[in-house]
PDB file of N, CA and C in Angstrom:
ATOM      1  N   MET A   1      58.642 -58.446  52.566  1.00  0.00           N
ATOM      2  CA  MET A   1      58.035 -57.211  52.542  1.00  0.00           C
ATOM      3  C   MET A   1      58.426 -57.093  51.061  1.00  0.00           C
ATOM      4  N   HIS A   2      57.101 -55.861  50.992  1.00  0.00           N
ATOM      5  CA  HIS A   2      57.268 -55.138  49.908  1.00  0.00           C
ATOM      6  C   HIS A   2      58.239 -54.075  49.498  1.00  0.00           C
ATOM      7  N   THR A   3      58.538 -54.635  48.368  1.00  0.00           N
ATOM      8  CA  THR A   3      59.725 -52.838  48.281  1.00  0.00           C
ATOM      9  C   THR A   3      58.807 -51.422  47.151  1.00  0.00           C
ATOM     10  N   ILE A   4      58.886 -50.725  47.579  1.00  0.00           N
ATOM     11  CA  ILE A   4      58.653 -49.813  47.663  1.00  0.00           C
ATOM     12  C   ILE A   4      59.645 -48.791  47.010  1.00  0.00           C
ATOM     13  N   LEU A   5      59.557 -47.939  45.773  1.00  0.00           N
ATOM     14  CA  LEU A   5      60.409 -47.098  45.268  1.00  0.00           C
ATOM     15  C   LEU A   5      60.342 -45.471  45.351  1.00  0.00           C
ATOM     16  N   LEU A   6      60.322 -44.942  45.987  1.00  0.00           N
ATOM     17  CA  LEU A   6      59.777 -43.268  46.855  1.00  0.00           C
ATOM     18  C   LEU A   6      60.024 -42.331  45.726  1.00  0.00           C
ATOM     19  N   VAL A   7      59.720 -42.098  44.707  1.00  0.00           N
ATOM     20  CA  VAL A   7      61.142 -41.104  43.283  1.00  0.00           C
ATOM     21  C   VAL A   7      60.374 -39.626  43.816  1.00  0.00           C
ATOM     22  N   GLU A   8      61.017 -38.814  44.412  1.00  0.00           N
ATOM     23  CA  GLU A   8      60.664 -37.238  45.271  1.00  0.00           C
ATOM     24  C   GLU A   8      61.832 -36.411  45.225  1.00  0.00           C
ATOM     25  N   ASP A   9      62.084 -35.382  44.680  1.00  0.00           N
ATOM     26  CA  ASP A   9      63.009 -34.746  44.716  1.00  0.00           C
ATOM     27  C   ASP A   9      62.971 -33.741  46.510  1.00  0.00           C
ATOM     28  N   ASN A  10      62.062 -33.569  46.400  1.00  0.00           N
ATOM     29  CA  ASN A  10      61.826 -32.768  48.459  1.00  0.00           C
ATOM     30  C   ASN A  10      62.168 -33.690  49.033  1.00  0.00           C
ATOM     31  N   GLU A  11      63.624 -33.266  49.905  1.00  0.00           N
ATOM     32  CA  GLU A  11      63.882 -34.251  51.010  1.00  0.00           C
ATOM     33  C   GLU A  11      63.340 -34.462  52.300  1.00  0.00           C
ATOM     34  N   LEU A  12      62.491 -32.548  52.462  1.00  0.00           N
ATOM     35  CA  LEU A  12      61.253 -33.221  54.330  1.00  0.00           C
ATOM     36  C   LEU A  12      60.164 -33.939  53.071  1.00  0.00           C
ATOM     37  N   ASN A  13      60.290 -34.224  52.085  1.00  0.00           N
ATOM     38  CA  ASN A  13      58.807 -35.188  51.788  1.00  0.00           C
ATOM     39  C   ASN A  13      59.360 -37.016  51.614  1.00  0.00           C
ATOM     40  N   ARG A  14      60.308 -36.854  51.213  1.00  0.00           N
ATOM     41  CA  ARG A  14      61.103 -38.149  51.108  1.00  0.00           C
ATOM     42  C   ARG A  14      61.521 -38.487  52.855  1.00  0.00           C
ATOM     43  N   ASP A  15      61.724 -38.089  53.186  1.00  0.00           N
ATOM     44  CA  ASP A  15      62.668 -38.530  54.370  1.00  0.00           C
ATOM     45  C   ASP A  15      60.859 -38.895  54.870  1.00  0.00           C
ATOM     46  N   MET A  16      59.758 -38.263  55.484  1.00  0.00           N
ATOM     47  CA  MET A  16      58.685 -38.415  55.876  1.00  0.00           C
ATOM     48  C   MET A  16      57.998 -39.648  55.509  1.00  0.00           C
ATOM     49  N   LEU A  17      57.751 -39.369  54.147  1.00  0.00           N
ATOM     50  CA  LEU A  17      57.283 -40.929  54.150  1.00  0.00           C
ATOM     51  C   LEU A  17      58.128 -41.903  53.744  1.00  0.00           C
ATOM     52  N   THR A  18      59.445 -41.921  53.608  1.00  0.00           N
ATOM     53  CA  THR A  18      60.326 -43.478  54.025  1.00  0.00           C
ATOM     54  C   THR A  18      59.712 -43.406  55.090  1.00  0.00           C
ATOM     55  N   ARG A  19      60.156 -42.900  55.968  1.00  0.00           N
ATOM     56  CA  ARG A  19      60.050 -43.123  57.533  1.00  0.00           C
ATOM     57  C   ARG A  19      58.391 -43.581  57.976  1.00  0.00           C
ATOM     58  N   ARG A  20      56.887 -43.398  57.140  1.00  0.00           N
ATOM     59  CA  ARG A  20      56.079 -43.852  57.499  1.00  0.00           C
ATOM     60  C   ARG A  20      55.919 -44.853  57.519  1.00  0.00           C
ATOM     61  N   LEU A  21      56.387 -44.814  55.589  1.00  0.00           N
ATOM     62  CA  LEU A  21      55.981 -46.206  55.120  1.00  0.00           C
ATOM     63  C   LEU A  21      57.138 -47.273  55.698  1.00  0.00           C
ATOM     64  N   ASN A  22      58.247 -47.454  56.278  1.00  0.00           N
ATOM     65  CA  ASN A  22      59.007 -48.289  56.919  1.00  0.00           C
ATOM     66  C   ASN A  22      58.244 -48.403  58.104  1.00  0.00           C
ATOM     67  N   ARG A  23      57.513 -47.872  58.809  1.00  0.00           N
ATOM     68  CA  ARG A  23      56.686 -48.002  60.152  1.00  0.00           C
ATOM     69  C   ARG A  23      55.310 -49.255  59.697  1.00  0.00           C
ATOM     70  N   LYS A  24      55.055 -49.095  58.382  1.00  0.00           N
ATOM     71  CA  LYS A  24      53.750 -49.877  58.422  1.00  0.00           C
ATOM     72  C   LYS A  24      54.392 -51.035  57.424  1.00  0.00           C
ATOM     73  N   GLY A  25      55.861 -51.530  57.644  1.00  0.00           N
ATOM     74  CA  GLY A  25      56.071 -52.243  57.682  1.00  0.00           C
ATOM     75  C   GLY A  25      56.820 -52.412  55.444  1.00  0.00           C
ATOM     76  N   PHE A  26      57.179 -51.910  55.086  1.00  0.00           N
ATOM     77  CA  PHE A  26      57.363 -51.381  53.199  1.00  0.00           C
ATOM     78  C   PHE A  26      58.981 -51.312  53.420  1.00  0.00           C
ATOM     79  N   GLN A  27      59.263 -51.820  52.533  1.00  0.00           N
ATOM     80  CA  GLN A  27      60.844 -51.131  52.380  1.00  0.00           C
ATOM     81  C   GLN A  27      60.899 -50.655  51.252  1.00  0.00           C
ATOM     82  N   ILE A  28      61.811 -49.078  52.072  1.00  0.00           N
ATOM     83  CA  ILE A  28      61.820 -47.878  50.802  1.00  0.00           C
ATOM     84  C   ILE A  28      63.273 -48.033  49.725  1.00  0.00           C
ATOM     85  N   LEU A  29      63.120 -47.822  49.014  1.00  0.00           N
ATOM     86  CA  LEU A  29      63.732 -47.250  48.259  1.00  0.00           C
ATOM     87  C   LEU A  29      63.958 -45.954  47.575  1.00  0.00           C
ATOM     88  N   THR A  30      64.635 -44.932  47.147  1.00  0.00           N
ATOM     89  CA  THR A  30      64.344 -43.269  47.042  1.00  0.00           C
ATOM     90  C   THR A  30      65.608 -43.829  45.920  1.00  0.00           C
ATOM     91  N   ALA A  31      65.224 -42.433  44.904  1.00  0.00           N
ATOM     92  CA  ALA A  31      65.203 -41.071  44.205  1.00  0.00           C
ATOM     93  C   ALA A  31      65.392 -39.779  44.123  1.00  0.00           C
ATOM     94  N   GLU A  32      65.844 -39.226  44.132  1.00  0.00           N
ATOM     95  CA  GLU A  32      65.369 -37.656  43.793  1.00  0.00           C
ATOM     96  C   GLU A  32      65.219 -37.132  42.307  1.00  0.00           C
ATOM     97  N   ASP A  33      65.407 -37.683  41.504  1.00  0.00           N
ATOM     98  CA  ASP A  33      64.949 -37.514  39.870  1.00  0.00           C
ATOM     99  C   ASP A  33      64.010 -38.273  39.270  1.00  0.00           C
ATOM    100  N   GLY A  34      63.204 -38.247  38.532  1.00  0.00           N
ATOM    101  CA  GLY A  34      62.740 -39.049  37.267  1.00  0.00           C
ATOM    102  C   GLY A  34      63.873 -40.676  36.196  1.00  0.00           C
ATOM    103  N   LYS A  35      65.484 -39.808  36.235  1.00  0.00           N
ATOM    104  CA  LYS A  35      66.337 -40.752  36.192  1.00  0.00           C
ATOM    105  C   LYS A  35      66.691 -41.920  36.896  1.00  0.00           C
ATOM    106  N   GLU A  36      67.377 -41.139  37.812  1.00  0.00           N
ATOM    107  CA  GLU A  36      67.280 -41.467  38.482  1.00  0.00           C
ATOM    108  C   GLU A  36      66.432 -43.147  39.211  1.00  0.00           C
ATOM    109  N   GLY A  37      65.290 -42.794  39.352  1.00  0.00           N
ATOM    110  CA  GLY A  37      63.477 -43.330  39.701  1.00  0.00           C
ATOM    111  C   GLY A  37      64.180 -45.323  39.062  1.00  0.00           C
ATOM    112  N   VAL A  38      63.674 -44.132  37.140  1.00  0.00           N
ATOM    113  CA  VAL A  38      63.662 -45.168  36.457  1.00  0.00           C
ATOM    114  C   VAL A  38      65.055 -45.760  35.977  1.00  0.00           C
ATOM    115  N   ASP A  39      66.410 -45.759  36.661  1.00  0.00           N
ATOM    116  CA  ASP A  39      67.244 -46.370  36.515  1.00  0.00           C
ATOM    117  C   ASP A  39      66.970 -47.559  37.988  1.00  0.00           C
ATOM    118  N   LEU A  40      67.189 -46.996  39.457  1.00  0.00           N
ATOM    119  CA  LEU A  40      66.973 -48.305  40.367  1.00  0.00           C
ATOM    120  C   LEU A  40      65.893 -48.556  40.166  1.00  0.00           C
ATOM    121  N   ALA A  41      64.815 -48.524  38.987  1.00  0.00           N
ATOM    122  CA  ALA A  41      63.677 -49.590  39.263  1.00  0.00           C
ATOM    123  C   ALA A  41      63.704 -50.648  38.487  1.00  0.00           C
ATOM    124  N   ILE A  42      64.925 -49.940  37.479  1.00  0.00           N
ATOM    125  CA  ILE A  42      65.568 -51.471  35.716  1.00  0.00           C
ATOM    126  C   ILE A  42      66.150 -52.227  37.168  1.00  0.00           C
ATOM    127  N   GLN A  43      66.911 -50.823  37.935  1.00  0.00           N
ATOM    128  CA  GLN A  43      68.038 -52.251  38.348  1.00  0.00           C
ATOM    129  C   GLN A  43      67.019 -53.274  40.067  1.00  0.00           C
ATOM    130  N   HIS A  44      66.682 -52.993  40.549  1.00  0.00           N
ATOM    131  CA  HIS A  44      65.726 -53.024  41.647  1.00  0.00           C
ATOM    132  C   HIS A  44      64.752 -53.575  41.602  1.00  0.00           C
ATOM    133  N   ARG A  45      63.388 -53.414  40.298  1.00  0.00           N
ATOM    134  CA  ARG A  45      62.028 -54.548  40.176  1.00  0.00           C
ATOM    135  C   ARG A  45      61.679 -54.404  40.938  1.00  0.00           C
ATOM    136  N   PRO A  46      61.049 -52.311  41.647  1.00  0.00           N
ATOM    137  CA  PRO A  46      60.521 -52.632  43.657  1.00  0.00           C
ATOM    138  C   PRO A  46      59.622 -53.113  42.889  1.00  0.00           C
ATOM    139  N   ASP A  47      57.977 -52.610  43.878  1.00  0.00           N
ATOM    140  CA  ASP A  47      57.279 -54.378  43.871  1.00  0.00           C
ATOM    141  C   ASP A  47      55.856 -52.656  43.302  1.00  0.00           C
ATOM    142  N   LEU A  48      56.291 -51.481  44.035  1.00  0.00           N
ATOM    143  CA  LEU A  48      55.328 -50.774  43.885  1.00  0.00           C
ATOM    144  C   LEU A  48      56.383 -49.417  43.377  1.00  0.00           C
ATOM    145  N   ILE A  49      55.894 -48.087  43.141  1.00  0.00           N
ATOM    146  CA  ILE A  49      56.070 -46.649  42.203  1.00  0.00           C
ATOM    147  C   ILE A  49      55.738 -45.802  42.845  1.00  0.00           C
ATOM    148  N   LEU A  50      56.159 -44.603  43.879  1.00  0.00           N
ATOM    149  CA  LEU A  50      55.089 -43.252  43.883  1.00  0.00           C
ATOM    150  C   LEU A  50      56.059 -42.594  43.391  1.00  0.00           C
ATOM    151  N   MET A  51      55.178 -41.916  41.795  1.00  0.00           N
ATOM    152  CA  MET A  51      55.934 -41.217  41.712  1.00  0.00           C
ATOM    153  C   MET A  51      55.347 -40.007  41.298  1.00  0.00           C
ATOM    154  N   ASP A  52      56.411 -39.260  42.189  1.00  0.00           N
ATOM    155  CA  ASP A  52      56.326 -37.283  42.067  1.00  0.00           C
ATOM    156  C   ASP A  52      56.253 -36.513  40.631  1.00  0.00           C
ATOM    157  N   LEU A  53      55.013 -36.472  40.337  1.00  0.00           N
ATOM    158  CA  LEU A  53      55.201 -35.434  39.116  1.00  0.00           C
ATOM    159  C   LEU A  53      55.920 -33.991  38.558  1.00  0.00           C
ATOM    160  N   SER A  54      56.506 -33.712  39.641  1.00  0.00           N
ATOM    161  CA  SER A  54      56.708 -32.585  39.518  1.00  0.00           C
ATOM    162  C   SER A  54      58.488 -33.128  39.342  1.00  0.00           C
ATOM    163  N   LEU A  55      59.735 -33.641  38.442  1.00  0.00           N
ATOM    164  CA  LEU A  55      61.095 -33.746  39.518  1.00  0.00           C
ATOM    165  C   LEU A  55      61.822 -32.980  38.079  1.00  0.00           C
ATOM    166  N   PRO A  56      63.472 -32.945  38.327  1.00  0.00           N
ATOM    167  CA  PRO A  56      64.277 -32.852  37.742  1.00  0.00           C
ATOM    168  C   PRO A  56      65.164 -33.325  37.241  1.00  0.00           C
ATOM    169  N   VAL A  57      65.908 -33.274  36.309  1.00  0.00           N
ATOM    170  CA  VAL A  57      66.478 -34.376  35.149  1.00  0.00           C
ATOM    171  C   VAL A  57      65.468 -35.015  34.238  1.00  0.00           C
ATOM    172  N   MET A  58      64.313 -35.553  34.175  1.00  0.00           N
ATOM    173  CA  MET A  58      63.255 -36.241  33.878  1.00  0.00           C
ATOM    174  C   MET A  58      62.211 -35.814  34.778  1.00  0.00           C
ATOM    175  N   ASP A  59      60.450 -36.220  34.227  1.00  0.00           N
ATOM    176  CA  ASP A  59      59.329 -35.192  34.894  1.00  0.00           C
ATOM    177  C   ASP A  59      59.049 -36.614  35.143  1.00  0.00           C
ATOM    178  N   GLY A  60      57.986 -36.524  36.092  1.00  0.00           N
ATOM    179  CA  GLY A  60      57.529 -38.180  36.202  1.00  0.00           C
ATOM    180  C   GLY A  60      55.964 -38.628  35.145  1.00  0.00           C
ATOM    181  N   TRP A  61      56.227 -37.784  34.080  1.00  0.00           N
ATOM    182  CA  TRP A  61      55.931 -37.945  33.446  1.00  0.00           C
ATOM    183  C   TRP A  61      55.979 -39.071  32.752  1.00  0.00           C
ATOM    184  N   GLU A  62      57.236 -38.156  32.102  1.00  0.00           N
ATOM    185  CA  GLU A  62      58.352 -38.822  30.854  1.00  0.00           C
ATOM    186  C   GLU A  62      58.977 -40.357  31.945  1.00  0.00           C
ATOM    187  N   ALA A  63      59.591 -40.180  32.995  1.00  0.00           N
ATOM    188  CA  ALA A  63      60.223 -41.393  33.889  1.00  0.00           C
ATOM    189  C   ALA A  63      58.603 -42.509  34.073  1.00  0.00           C
ATOM    190  N   THR A  64      57.193 -42.540  33.880  1.00  0.00           N
ATOM    191  CA  THR A  64      56.295 -43.368  33.911  1.00  0.00           C
ATOM    192  C   THR A  64      56.483 -43.972  32.435  1.00  0.00           C
ATOM    193  N   ARG A  65      56.180 -42.816  31.674  1.00  0.00           N
ATOM    194  CA  ARG A  65      56.003 -43.630  29.797  1.00  0.00           C
ATOM    195  C   ARG A  65      57.090 -44.475  29.675  1.00  0.00           C
ATOM    196  N   LEU A  66      58.932 -43.971  30.220  1.00  0.00           N
ATOM    197  CA  LEU A  66      59.928 -45.303  29.767  1.00  0.00           C
ATOM    198  C   LEU A  66      59.513 -46.441  31.106  1.00  0.00           C
ATOM    199  N   LEU A  67      58.960 -46.507  31.943  1.00  0.00           N
ATOM    200  CA  LEU A  67      58.484 -47.272  32.619  1.00  0.00           C
ATOM    201  C   LEU A  67      58.254 -48.261  31.840  1.00  0.00           C
ATOM    202  N   LYS A  68      56.468 -47.483  31.953  1.00  0.00           N
ATOM    203  CA  LYS A  68      55.389 -48.657  31.122  1.00  0.00           C
ATOM    204  C   LYS A  68      55.853 -49.101  30.019  1.00  0.00           C
ATOM    205  N   SER A  69      56.791 -48.906  29.153  1.00  0.00           N
ATOM    206  CA  SER A  69      56.888 -49.123  27.591  1.00  0.00           C
ATOM    207  C   SER A  69      58.568 -50.227  27.686  1.00  0.00           C
ATOM    208  N   THR A  70      59.107 -50.205  28.782  1.00  0.00           N
ATOM    209  CA  THR A  70      59.888 -51.532  29.325  1.00  0.00           C
ATOM    210  C   THR A  70      59.550 -52.929  29.601  1.00  0.00           C
ATOM    211  N   ASP A  71      59.969 -53.676  29.244  1.00  0.00           N
ATOM    212  CA  ASP A  71      59.345 -55.345  29.558  1.00  0.00           C
ATOM    213  C   ASP A  71      59.381 -55.475  30.689  1.00  0.00           C
ATOM    214  N   ASP A  72      60.233 -54.807  31.408  1.00  0.00           N
ATOM    215  CA  ASP A  72      60.605 -55.315  31.974  1.00  0.00           C
ATOM    216  C   ASP A  72      60.602 -54.184  33.569  1.00  0.00           C
ATOM    217  N   THR A  73      59.738 -53.516  33.269  1.00  0.00           N
ATOM    218  CA  THR A  73      58.957 -52.448  34.413  1.00  0.00           C
ATOM    219  C   THR A  73      57.613 -52.020  34.109  1.00  0.00           C
ATOM    220  N   LYS A  74      57.606 -52.073  32.784  1.00  0.00           N
ATOM    221  CA  LYS A  74      56.164 -52.357  32.916  1.00  0.00           C
ATOM    222  C   LYS A  74      54.414 -53.025  33.705  1.00  0.00           C
ATOM    223  N   GLN A  75      54.880 -53.981  34.694  1.00  0.00           N
ATOM    224  CA  GLN A  75      54.405 -54.618  34.929  1.00  0.00           C
ATOM    225  C   GLN A  75      54.261 -53.533  36.007  1.00  0.00           C
ATOM    226  N   ILE A  76      54.903 -53.053  36.684  1.00  0.00           N
ATOM    227  CA  ILE A  76      55.689 -52.520  38.298  1.00  0.00           C
ATOM    228  C   ILE A  76      53.988 -50.978  38.178  1.00  0.00           C
ATOM    229  N   PRO A  77      53.042 -51.656  39.603  1.00  0.00           N
ATOM    230  CA  PRO A  77      52.422 -50.400  39.448  1.00  0.00           C
ATOM    231  C   PRO A  77      52.960 -49.072  40.107  1.00  0.00           C
ATOM    232  N   VAL A  78      52.627 -47.618  39.318  1.00  0.00           N
ATOM    233  CA  VAL A  78      52.873 -46.502  39.500  1.00  0.00           C
ATOM    234  C   VAL A  78      51.649 -45.620  40.353  1.00  0.00           C
ATOM    235  N   ILE A  79      52.440 -44.929  41.196  1.00  0.00           N
ATOM    236  CA  ILE A  79      50.652 -44.180  42.158  1.00  0.00           C
ATOM    237  C   ILE A  79      52.151 -42.989  41.716  1.00  0.00           C
ATOM    238  N   ALA A  80      50.925 -41.648  41.071  1.00  0.00           N
ATOM    239  CA  ALA A  80      51.510 -40.293  40.270  1.00  0.00           C
ATOM    240  C   ALA A  80      51.732 -39.951  42.749  1.00  0.00           C
ATOM    241  N   LEU A  81      52.483 -38.477  42.810  1.00  0.00           N
ATOM    242  CA  LEU A  81      51.496 -37.564  43.584  1.00  0.00           C
ATOM    243  C   LEU A  81      52.341 -36.604  43.166  1.00  0.00           C
ATOM    244  N   THR A  82      51.069 -35.988  43.398  1.00  0.00           N
ATOM    245  CA  THR A  82      51.720 -34.267  43.214  1.00  0.00           C
ATOM    246  C   THR A  82      51.427 -33.329  43.924  1.00  0.00           C
ATOM    247  N   ALA A  83      51.987 -32.717  44.659  1.00  0.00           N
ATOM    248  CA  ALA A  83      51.066 -30.915  45.473  1.00  0.00           C
ATOM    249  C   ALA A  83      50.861 -30.423  44.165  1.00  0.00           C
ATOM    250  N   HIS A  84      50.701 -30.452  42.571  1.00  0.00           N
ATOM    251  CA  HIS A  84      50.238 -29.447  41.784  1.00  0.00           C
ATOM    252  C   HIS A  84      49.233 -29.784  41.553  1.00  0.00           C
ATOM    253  N   ALA A  85      48.223 -30.165  42.201  1.00  0.00           N
ATOM    254  CA  ALA A  85      46.503 -31.110  40.763  1.00  0.00           C
ATOM    255  C   ALA A  85      45.469 -29.713  40.534  1.00  0.00           C
ATOM    256  N   MET A  86      46.292 -29.798  39.083  1.00  0.00           N
ATOM    257  CA  MET A  86      45.841 -28.928  38.295  1.00  0.00           C
ATOM    258  C   MET A  86      44.781 -29.070  37.999  1.00  0.00           C
ATOM    259  N   ALA A  87      43.611 -28.553  36.959  1.00  0.00           N
ATOM    260  CA  ALA A  87      43.114 -29.527  36.327  1.00  0.00           C
ATOM    261  C   ALA A  87      43.732 -30.563  34.645  1.00  0.00           C
ATOM    262  N   GLY A  88      43.590 -31.434  34.670  1.00  0.00           N
ATOM    263  CA  GLY A  88      44.190 -32.204  33.899  1.00  0.00           C
ATOM    264  C   GLY A  88      45.489 -32.913  33.948  1.00  0.00           C
ATOM    265  N   ASP A  89      45.958 -32.831  35.017  1.00  0.00           N
ATOM    266  CA  ASP A  89      47.702 -33.300  35.698  1.00  0.00           C
ATOM    267  C   ASP A  89      46.718 -35.131  35.644  1.00  0.00           C
ATOM    268  N   GLU A  90      45.311 -35.578  36.151  1.00  0.00           N
ATOM    269  CA  GLU A  90      45.450 -36.730  36.516  1.00  0.00           C
ATOM    270  C   GLU A  90      44.887 -37.323  35.648  1.00  0.00           C
ATOM    271  N   ALA A  91      44.301 -36.861  35.029  1.00  0.00           N
ATOM    272  CA  ALA A  91      43.910 -37.742  33.448  1.00  0.00           C
ATOM    273  C   ALA A  91      45.599 -38.075  32.328  1.00  0.00           C
ATOM    274  N   GLU A  92      46.384 -36.777  32.537  1.00  0.00           N
ATOM    275  CA  GLU A  92      47.654 -37.141  32.566  1.00  0.00           C
ATOM    276  C   GLU A  92      48.530 -37.779  32.776  1.00  0.00           C
ATOM    277  N   ALA A  93      48.196 -38.169  34.536  1.00  0.00           N
ATOM    278  CA  ALA A  93      49.228 -38.918  34.437  1.00  0.00           C
ATOM    279  C   ALA A  93      48.920 -39.947  34.379  1.00  0.00           C
ATOM    280  N   TYR A  94      47.495 -40.819  33.841  1.00  0.00           N
ATOM    281  CA  TYR A  94      46.725 -41.900  34.027  1.00  0.00           C
ATOM    282  C   TYR A  94      47.120 -42.051  32.684  1.00  0.00           C
ATOM    283  N   ARG A  95      47.099 -41.304  31.184  1.00  0.00           N
ATOM    284  CA  ARG A  95      47.706 -41.194  30.042  1.00  0.00           C
ATOM    285  C   ARG A  95      49.028 -41.342  29.756  1.00  0.00           C
ATOM    286  N   ALA A  96      49.917 -41.316  30.775  1.00  0.00           N
ATOM    287  CA  ALA A  96      51.266 -41.590  30.722  1.00  0.00           C
ATOM    288  C   ALA A  96      51.336 -43.303  31.478  1.00  0.00           C
ATOM    289  N   GLY A  97      50.624 -43.909  32.023  1.00  0.00           N
ATOM    290  CA  GLY A  97      50.607 -44.610  32.172  1.00  0.00           C
ATOM    291  C   GLY A  97      50.822 -44.891  33.639  1.00  0.00           C
ATOM    292  N   CYS A  98      50.636 -44.120  34.437  1.00  0.00           N
ATOM    293  CA  CYS A  98      50.252 -43.713  36.035  1.00  0.00           C
ATOM    294  C   CYS A  98      49.497 -44.724  36.220  1.00  0.00           C
ATOM    295  N   ASP A  99      49.572 -46.304  37.366  1.00  0.00           N
ATOM    296  CA  ASP A  99      47.539 -47.091  37.261  1.00  0.00           C
ATOM    297  C   ASP A  99      46.944 -46.228  38.958  1.00  0.00           C
ATOM    298  N   ASP A 100      47.250 -45.323  39.727  1.00  0.00           N
ATOM    299  CA  ASP A 100      46.319 -44.464  40.324  1.00  0.00           C
ATOM    300  C   ASP A 100      47.511 -43.145  40.691  1.00  0.00           C
ATOM    301  N   PHE A 101      46.247 -42.413  41.029  1.00  0.00           N
ATOM    302  CA  PHE A 101      46.698 -40.633  41.196  1.00  0.00           C
ATOM    303  C   PHE A 101      46.294 -40.504  43.428  1.00  0.00           C
ATOM    304  N   ASP A 102      47.421 -39.765  43.271  1.00  0.00           N
ATOM    305  CA  ASP A 102      47.347 -39.251  44.535  1.00  0.00           C
ATOM    306  C   ASP A 102      47.683 -37.864  44.878  1.00  0.00           C
ATOM    307  N   THR A 103      47.512 -36.792  45.599  1.00  0.00           N
ATOM    308  CA  THR A 103      47.866 -35.242  45.828  1.00  0.00           C
ATOM    309  C   THR A 103      48.676 -35.582  47.244  1.00  0.00           C
ATOM    310  N   LYS A 104      49.289 -34.179  47.147  1.00  0.00           N
ATOM    311  CA  LYS A 104      50.057 -33.918  48.364  1.00  0.00           C
ATOM    312  C   LYS A 104      49.246 -32.455  48.877  1.00  0.00           C
ATOM    313  N   PRO A 105      49.752 -32.359  50.697  1.00  0.00           N
ATOM    314  CA  PRO A 105      49.779 -33.226  51.173  1.00  0.00           C
ATOM    315  C   PRO A 105      49.128 -34.624  51.538  1.00  0.00           C
ATOM    316  N   VAL A 106      50.207 -35.481  51.611  1.00  0.00           N
ATOM    317  CA  VAL A 106      49.838 -36.740  51.873  1.00  0.00           C
ATOM    318  C   VAL A 106      49.703 -37.212  53.139  1.00  0.00           C
ATOM    319  N   ASP A 107      47.881 -37.756  52.649  1.00  0.00           N
ATOM    320  CA  ASP A 107      46.922 -38.600  53.814  1.00  0.00           C
ATOM    321  C   ASP A 107      47.820 -40.474  54.171  1.00  0.00           C
ATOM    322  N   LEU A 108      47.997 -40.088  54.804  1.00  0.00           N
ATOM    323  CA  LEU A 108      48.486 -41.493  55.437  1.00  0.00           C
ATOM    324  C   LEU A 108      47.754 -42.252  54.678  1.00  0.00           C
ATOM    325  N   GLU A 109      46.371 -41.804  55.097  1.00  0.00           N
ATOM    326  CA  GLU A 109      45.808 -43.417  55.413  1.00  0.00           C
ATOM    327  C   GLU A 109      45.229 -43.745  53.765  1.00  0.00           C
ATOM    328  N   ARG A 110      44.728 -42.437  52.997  1.00  0.00           N
ATOM    329  CA  ARG A 110      43.857 -42.481  51.829  1.00  0.00           C
ATOM    330  C   ARG A 110      44.867 -43.201  51.030  1.00  0.00           C
ATOM    331  N   LEU A 111      46.421 -42.689  51.020  1.00  0.00           N
ATOM    332  CA  LEU A 111      47.764 -43.397  50.387  1.00  0.00           C
ATOM    333  C   LEU A 111      47.637 -45.202  50.106  1.00  0.00           C
ATOM    334  N   LEU A 112      47.973 -45.546  52.077  1.00  0.00           N
ATOM    335  CA  LEU A 112      48.023 -46.798  51.855  1.00  0.00           C
ATOM    336  C   LEU A 112      47.028 -47.716  51.644  1.00  0.00           C
ATOM    337  N   ASN A 113      45.525 -46.986  51.482  1.00  0.00           N
ATOM    338  CA  ASN A 113      44.696 -47.804  50.563  1.00  0.00           C
ATOM    339  C   ASN A 113      45.193 -47.801  49.336  1.00  0.00           C
ATOM    340  N   LYS A 114      45.494 -47.336  48.910  1.00  0.00           N
ATOM    341  CA  LYS A 114      45.508 -46.581  46.734  1.00  0.00           C
ATOM    342  C   LYS A 114      46.643 -47.564  47.101  1.00  0.00           C
ATOM    343  N   ILE A 115      48.017 -47.810  47.709  1.00  0.00           N
ATOM    344  CA  ILE A 115      48.924 -48.929  47.668  1.00  0.00           C
ATOM    345  C   ILE A 115      48.792 -50.273  48.104  1.00  0.00           C
ATOM    346  N   ASN A 116      47.937 -50.594  49.545  1.00  0.00           N
ATOM    347  CA  ASN A 116      47.649 -51.902  49.661  1.00  0.00           C
ATOM    348  C   ASN A 116      46.570 -52.242  48.674  1.00  0.00           C
ATOM    349  N   ALA A 117      45.433 -51.862  48.129  1.00  0.00           N
ATOM    350  CA  ALA A 117      45.288 -52.334  46.536  1.00  0.00           C
ATOM    351  C   ALA A 117      45.625 -52.344  45.041  1.00  0.00           C
ATOM    352  N   ALA A 118      47.069 -51.775  44.825  1.00  0.00           N
ATOM    353  CA  ALA A 118      47.805 -51.876  44.023  1.00  0.00           C
ATOM    354  C   ALA A 118      48.700 -53.288  43.833  1.00  0.00           C
ATOM    355  N   LEU A 119      49.013 -52.926  44.820  1.00  0.00           N
ATOM    356  CA  LEU A 119      49.631 -54.258  46.024  1.00  0.00           C
ATOM    357  C   LEU A 119      48.676 -55.846  45.819  1.00  0.00           C
ATOM    358  N   GLY A 120      47.913 -55.490  45.986  1.00  0.00           N
ATOM    359  CA  GLY A 120      46.547 -56.662  45.919  1.00  0.00           C
ATOM    360  C   GLY A 120      46.613 -56.793  47.182  1.00  0.00           C
ATOM    361  N   LEU A 121      47.263 -56.366  48.304  1.00  0.00           N
ATOM    362  CA  LEU A 121      47.073 -56.761  49.806  1.00  0.00           C
ATOM    363  C   LEU A 121      45.232 -56.532  50.764  1.00  0.00           C
TER     364      LEU A 121
END
């Protein structure tokens, strides 16, 4: 079973994605802000990270830059998730080190395709 770390500050989004991804056979860890996400990634080394970009404490861009600059976590694929798909956000996410990018509201099939591709499934 693959483990996904979901870093999402919106409780409804976090709960919905956790339930839906659990039903697809993934184990889900959750964090409510970027700092907690970095800490959990270092502690648990998930197979993949779904990273909201607009987060309290530490935003998703900074959390991703930190994870990608740390030897223990730099190989973990990060898929950026954002509801604020402004011009330049996708490019900025890739510059921060994200491996892929998706928008909210989440289209589960599209996201699953990206997760499976990142995990080599």
